Protein backbone atom coordinates (compact mmCIF):
# COMPACT_ATOMS: atom_id res chain seq x y z
CA MET A 1 -18.73 11.36 -4.10
CA SER A 2 -22.17 10.54 -2.44
CA THR A 3 -23.25 7.70 0.01
CA THR A 4 -26.08 5.52 -1.08
CA GLY A 5 -27.50 5.92 2.50
CA THR A 6 -26.67 5.79 6.06
CA THR A 7 -28.40 5.01 9.36
CA ALA A 8 -28.09 6.60 12.69
CA ASP A 9 -26.67 3.50 14.33
CA GLY A 10 -23.54 3.57 12.41
CA VAL A 11 -24.34 1.27 9.47
CA LEU A 12 -23.45 2.50 6.05
CA SER A 13 -25.22 1.24 2.88
CA THR A 14 -22.73 0.84 0.03
CA ARG A 15 -22.79 -0.86 -3.34
CA PHE A 16 -21.34 -3.86 -1.64
CA GLY A 17 -23.92 -4.14 0.90
CA SER A 18 -24.42 -2.72 4.45
CA ILE A 19 -21.00 -2.30 6.52
CA ARG A 20 -20.05 -0.88 9.74
CA GLY A 21 -16.26 -0.50 9.24
CA VAL A 22 -13.47 -0.02 6.59
CA LEU A 23 -10.02 -1.29 6.59
CA PHE A 24 -7.41 -0.11 4.02
CA ASP A 25 -4.15 -1.29 2.67
CA ILE A 26 -1.60 1.74 2.70
CA ASP A 27 0.96 1.59 -0.07
CA ASP A 28 -0.56 2.59 -3.40
CA THR A 29 -3.97 2.44 -1.75
CA LEU A 30 -4.02 5.42 0.72
CA VAL A 31 -0.62 6.80 -0.40
CA ASP A 32 1.16 7.10 -3.80
CA LEU A 33 4.19 4.91 -2.77
CA GLU A 34 5.12 4.15 -6.53
CA TYR A 35 5.54 7.95 -7.18
CA ALA A 36 7.59 8.22 -4.07
CA MET A 37 9.86 5.54 -4.80
CA THR A 38 10.42 6.20 -8.55
CA THR A 39 11.16 10.05 -7.98
CA ALA A 40 13.48 9.11 -5.24
CA LEU A 41 15.26 6.58 -7.13
CA ARG A 42 15.86 8.90 -10.13
CA GLU A 43 17.30 11.58 -7.72
CA VAL A 44 19.76 9.29 -6.11
CA SER A 45 20.78 7.43 -9.28
CA GLU A 46 21.14 10.19 -11.84
CA HIS A 47 24.93 10.42 -11.28
CA LEU A 48 25.25 6.62 -12.05
CA LEU A 49 23.18 6.72 -15.13
CA PRO A 50 23.98 10.12 -16.86
CA GLY A 51 22.03 10.70 -20.12
CA LEU A 52 19.37 8.10 -19.36
CA ASP A 53 16.24 9.22 -21.30
CA GLN A 54 12.64 9.28 -19.85
CA THR A 55 11.97 5.72 -21.30
CA GLY A 56 15.01 4.39 -19.45
CA TRP A 57 13.90 5.88 -16.23
CA GLU A 58 10.53 4.44 -16.57
CA ARG A 59 11.98 1.07 -17.12
CA PHE A 60 14.40 1.60 -14.15
CA GLY A 61 11.46 2.43 -11.89
CA ARG A 62 9.50 -0.53 -13.22
CA ILE A 63 12.11 -2.96 -12.35
CA PHE A 64 12.47 -1.50 -8.78
CA THR A 65 8.74 -1.34 -8.05
CA HIS A 66 7.26 -4.33 -9.70
CA GLU A 67 9.79 -6.66 -11.17
CA THR A 68 11.93 -7.34 -7.93
CA THR A 69 9.21 -7.61 -5.36
CA HIS A 70 10.38 -11.25 -4.78
CA TYR A 71 13.15 -9.64 -2.55
CA TYR A 72 10.27 -7.99 -0.61
CA ASP A 73 8.73 -11.30 -0.15
CA ARG A 74 11.81 -12.68 1.30
CA TYR A 75 11.86 -9.83 3.61
CA LEU A 76 8.34 -10.72 4.77
CA ALA A 77 9.61 -14.20 5.31
CA GLY A 78 12.25 -13.08 7.43
CA GLU A 79 15.12 -14.13 4.97
CA LEU A 80 16.26 -10.46 4.47
CA THR A 81 16.41 -7.37 6.27
CA PHE A 82 14.38 -4.39 5.03
CA ASN A 83 17.43 -2.50 3.92
CA ASP A 84 18.78 -5.77 2.45
CA GLN A 85 15.78 -6.14 -0.01
CA ARG A 86 15.88 -2.47 -0.81
CA LEU A 87 19.51 -2.61 -1.83
CA LEU A 88 19.03 -5.81 -3.85
CA ARG A 89 16.16 -4.17 -5.85
CA GLY A 90 18.25 -1.14 -6.52
CA ARG A 91 21.23 -3.30 -7.69
CA ALA A 92 18.82 -5.25 -9.94
CA ALA A 93 17.52 -1.85 -11.53
CA LEU A 94 21.02 -0.48 -11.96
CA GLY A 95 22.56 -3.69 -13.23
CA HIS A 96 19.85 -3.74 -16.02
CA PHE A 97 21.60 -0.71 -17.45
CA GLY A 98 25.20 -2.14 -16.75
CA VAL A 99 25.99 -0.52 -13.49
CA ASP A 100 27.37 -2.29 -10.62
CA LEU A 101 26.63 -0.85 -7.23
CA ALA A 102 29.81 -1.70 -5.29
CA ASP A 103 29.79 -2.96 -1.65
CA GLY A 104 30.88 -0.66 1.01
CA GLU A 105 30.69 3.07 0.91
CA GLU A 106 28.95 3.45 -2.51
CA ALA A 107 26.12 0.92 -1.62
CA HIS A 108 25.76 2.54 1.75
CA GLY A 109 25.63 5.96 0.41
CA TRP A 110 23.15 5.15 -2.25
CA LEU A 111 20.83 3.28 0.40
CA SER A 112 21.14 6.05 2.83
CA ALA A 113 20.23 8.81 0.27
CA TYR A 114 17.29 6.89 -0.95
CA GLY A 115 16.08 6.08 2.60
CA ARG A 116 16.18 9.85 3.41
CA LEU A 117 14.42 11.11 0.25
CA GLN A 118 11.76 8.59 -0.34
CA PRO A 119 9.72 9.59 2.68
CA THR A 120 9.71 13.14 1.51
CA TYR A 121 7.72 12.32 -1.65
CA VAL A 122 5.07 10.25 -0.01
CA ARG A 123 1.60 11.73 -0.52
CA ALA A 124 -2.01 10.72 -0.24
CA PHE A 125 -4.01 10.14 -3.21
CA GLU A 126 -6.62 12.89 -3.96
CA ASP A 127 -9.62 10.55 -3.39
CA VAL A 128 -8.49 9.64 0.34
CA LEU A 129 -9.46 12.59 2.40
CA PRO A 130 -13.02 13.01 0.79
CA LEU A 131 -13.81 9.39 1.56
CA LEU A 132 -12.51 9.64 5.09
CA ASP A 133 -14.52 12.70 5.71
CA LEU A 134 -17.52 10.74 4.57
CA LEU A 135 -16.71 7.95 6.95
CA ASP A 136 -16.15 10.32 9.76
CA ALA A 137 -19.49 11.99 9.17
CA ALA A 138 -21.33 8.66 9.10
CA GLY A 139 -19.52 7.47 12.14
CA ILE A 140 -18.02 4.56 10.56
CA PRO A 141 -14.55 3.42 12.08
CA TYR A 142 -11.82 2.68 9.65
CA GLY A 143 -8.14 1.75 9.91
CA ALA A 144 -5.24 0.21 7.91
CA VAL A 145 -3.73 -3.26 7.57
CA SER A 146 -0.28 -3.31 5.90
CA ASN A 147 2.35 -5.79 4.83
CA ASN A 148 5.07 -3.71 6.57
CA VAL A 149 5.88 -3.11 10.18
CA HIS A 150 3.75 -0.81 12.26
CA ASP A 151 6.03 2.00 13.20
CA TYR A 152 7.39 2.52 9.65
CA GLN A 153 3.76 2.77 8.22
CA ARG A 154 2.75 4.91 11.07
CA ALA A 155 5.42 7.52 10.21
CA LYS A 156 4.40 7.03 6.57
CA LEU A 157 0.80 7.77 7.31
CA ASP A 158 1.61 10.76 9.42
CA GLY A 159 3.99 12.22 6.84
CA ALA A 160 1.20 11.94 4.24
CA GLY A 161 -1.23 13.85 6.37
CA LEU A 162 -3.23 10.91 7.29
CA GLU A 163 -2.80 11.01 11.08
CA ARG A 164 -6.49 10.43 11.65
CA VAL A 165 -6.08 6.87 10.43
CA ARG A 166 -5.29 5.87 13.97
CA ARG A 167 -6.07 2.13 13.90
CA LEU A 168 -3.12 0.42 12.20
CA VAL A 169 -2.00 -3.33 11.92
CA GLY A 170 1.50 -4.24 10.64
CA THR A 171 3.18 -7.42 10.13
CA ASP A 172 4.81 -7.21 13.52
CA THR A 173 1.55 -6.66 15.18
CA VAL A 174 0.45 -10.18 15.02
CA GLY A 175 3.57 -11.78 13.53
CA VAL A 176 2.07 -12.80 10.17
CA ALA A 177 1.66 -11.08 6.81
CA LYS A 178 -1.15 -10.85 4.19
CA PRO A 179 -2.61 -13.15 3.15
CA GLU A 180 -2.84 -14.87 6.41
CA PRO A 181 -6.40 -14.31 8.11
CA ALA A 182 -5.14 -13.19 11.26
CA ILE A 183 -3.67 -9.83 10.11
CA TYR A 184 -6.97 -8.76 8.60
CA LEU A 185 -8.95 -10.01 11.63
CA GLU A 186 -6.84 -8.18 14.03
CA GLY A 187 -7.86 -5.08 12.11
CA VAL A 188 -11.59 -5.98 12.51
CA ARG A 189 -10.87 -6.51 16.15
CA LEU A 190 -9.56 -2.89 16.44
CA LEU A 191 -12.65 -1.51 14.64
CA GLY A 192 -14.98 -3.44 16.87
CA THR A 193 -16.88 -4.78 13.98
CA ALA A 194 -17.63 -8.23 12.45
CA PRO A 195 -15.68 -9.42 9.43
CA GLU A 196 -18.77 -9.89 7.19
CA GLU A 197 -19.77 -6.10 7.85
CA THR A 198 -16.22 -4.78 7.21
CA LEU A 199 -14.76 -3.73 3.87
CA TYR A 200 -11.33 -4.32 3.19
CA VAL A 201 -9.87 -2.24 0.26
CA GLY A 202 -6.40 -2.45 -1.39
CA ASP A 203 -4.48 -2.42 -4.81
CA ASN A 204 -3.20 -5.87 -4.61
CA ARG A 205 -5.95 -8.25 -6.13
CA MET A 206 -4.51 -11.43 -4.40
CA LEU A 207 -3.24 -10.12 -1.11
CA ASP A 208 -6.07 -7.46 -0.64
CA ALA A 209 -9.17 -8.51 -2.24
CA ASP A 210 -8.74 -12.35 -2.29
CA GLY A 211 -7.02 -12.57 1.04
CA SER A 212 -9.44 -10.46 2.97
CA THR A 213 -12.50 -12.14 1.18
CA ALA A 214 -10.99 -15.61 2.16
CA ALA A 215 -10.64 -14.18 5.94
CA GLY A 216 -14.47 -13.45 5.88
CA LEU A 217 -14.29 -9.67 5.04
CA VAL A 218 -15.82 -7.95 2.13
CA GLY A 219 -12.73 -7.56 -0.05
CA VAL A 220 -12.54 -4.85 -2.65
CA TRP A 221 -9.87 -4.51 -5.21
CA LEU A 222 -8.72 -0.97 -5.94
CA ASN A 223 -7.43 -1.25 -9.50
CA ARG A 224 -6.19 2.29 -9.99
CA VAL A 225 -3.96 1.51 -12.97
CA GLY A 226 -6.50 -0.55 -15.02
CA GLU A 227 -4.73 -3.92 -14.69
CA PRO A 228 -6.52 -6.47 -16.89
CA ALA A 229 -7.98 -9.40 -15.00
CA PRO A 230 -10.56 -11.06 -17.01
CA ASP A 231 -11.04 -13.88 -14.63
CA PHE A 232 -11.51 -11.80 -11.52
CA THR A 233 -15.09 -12.04 -10.39
CA GLY A 234 -14.92 -10.08 -7.11
CA HIS A 235 -15.65 -6.62 -6.17
CA LYS A 236 -13.62 -3.99 -7.91
CA ILE A 237 -13.24 -0.23 -8.16
CA THR A 238 -10.85 2.09 -10.01
CA SER A 239 -11.05 4.95 -7.50
CA LEU A 240 -12.05 5.42 -3.91
CA SER A 241 -14.51 7.76 -5.00
CA GLN A 242 -16.46 4.73 -6.33
CA LEU A 243 -16.39 2.88 -2.89
CA LEU A 244 -19.64 4.39 -1.47
CA GLY A 245 -21.33 6.26 -4.44
């Protein structure tokens, strides 16, 4: 990865224009949360689904990580607790294979085991540290804005070896979630930059690229998985290694 140019006064020339700061989404942008989720899910559910083949486990993980996100939206709206939405997603995935996760001890045990194991599998993507090294060398401040609460995401970043991402905005920081402009702008305030000279990079096209752009930042969609989006006309990359070079 190479930069397209830097100046001594903390301005970095990128393929998206000159910028003074960078904000990141966290989950599936800086850290591979999907890997952590699906690995932990399989470990805590194998006794409930004996003999399930690899295709089945991939389907199980897909339901939990992608097809039940409406429960997470209800958590963001204050309708469910964090554990409630997690349990409902697990029940939906297990229910697809005919398993009913009973209330009480069985549900509590499954939820507790998953909550204990999932953080142990969280890891940073390989393209993260090289980019942060470049930003540090160029004197460009950076931080993260996430649709989860601050302390939970702080522990996640630290556990993934990303302690240097010190500036962090969670949904409880300003009381709103993405795509509300205030949450991105709080990140901008922490960087000490202006919105129009701040990149915002994330894996969710609508919440990250479109939402931050609407708030006045330079939104960039990190499309790691090659999701087709023929109508998307904004900034797009497939790896953080493409951000500056």
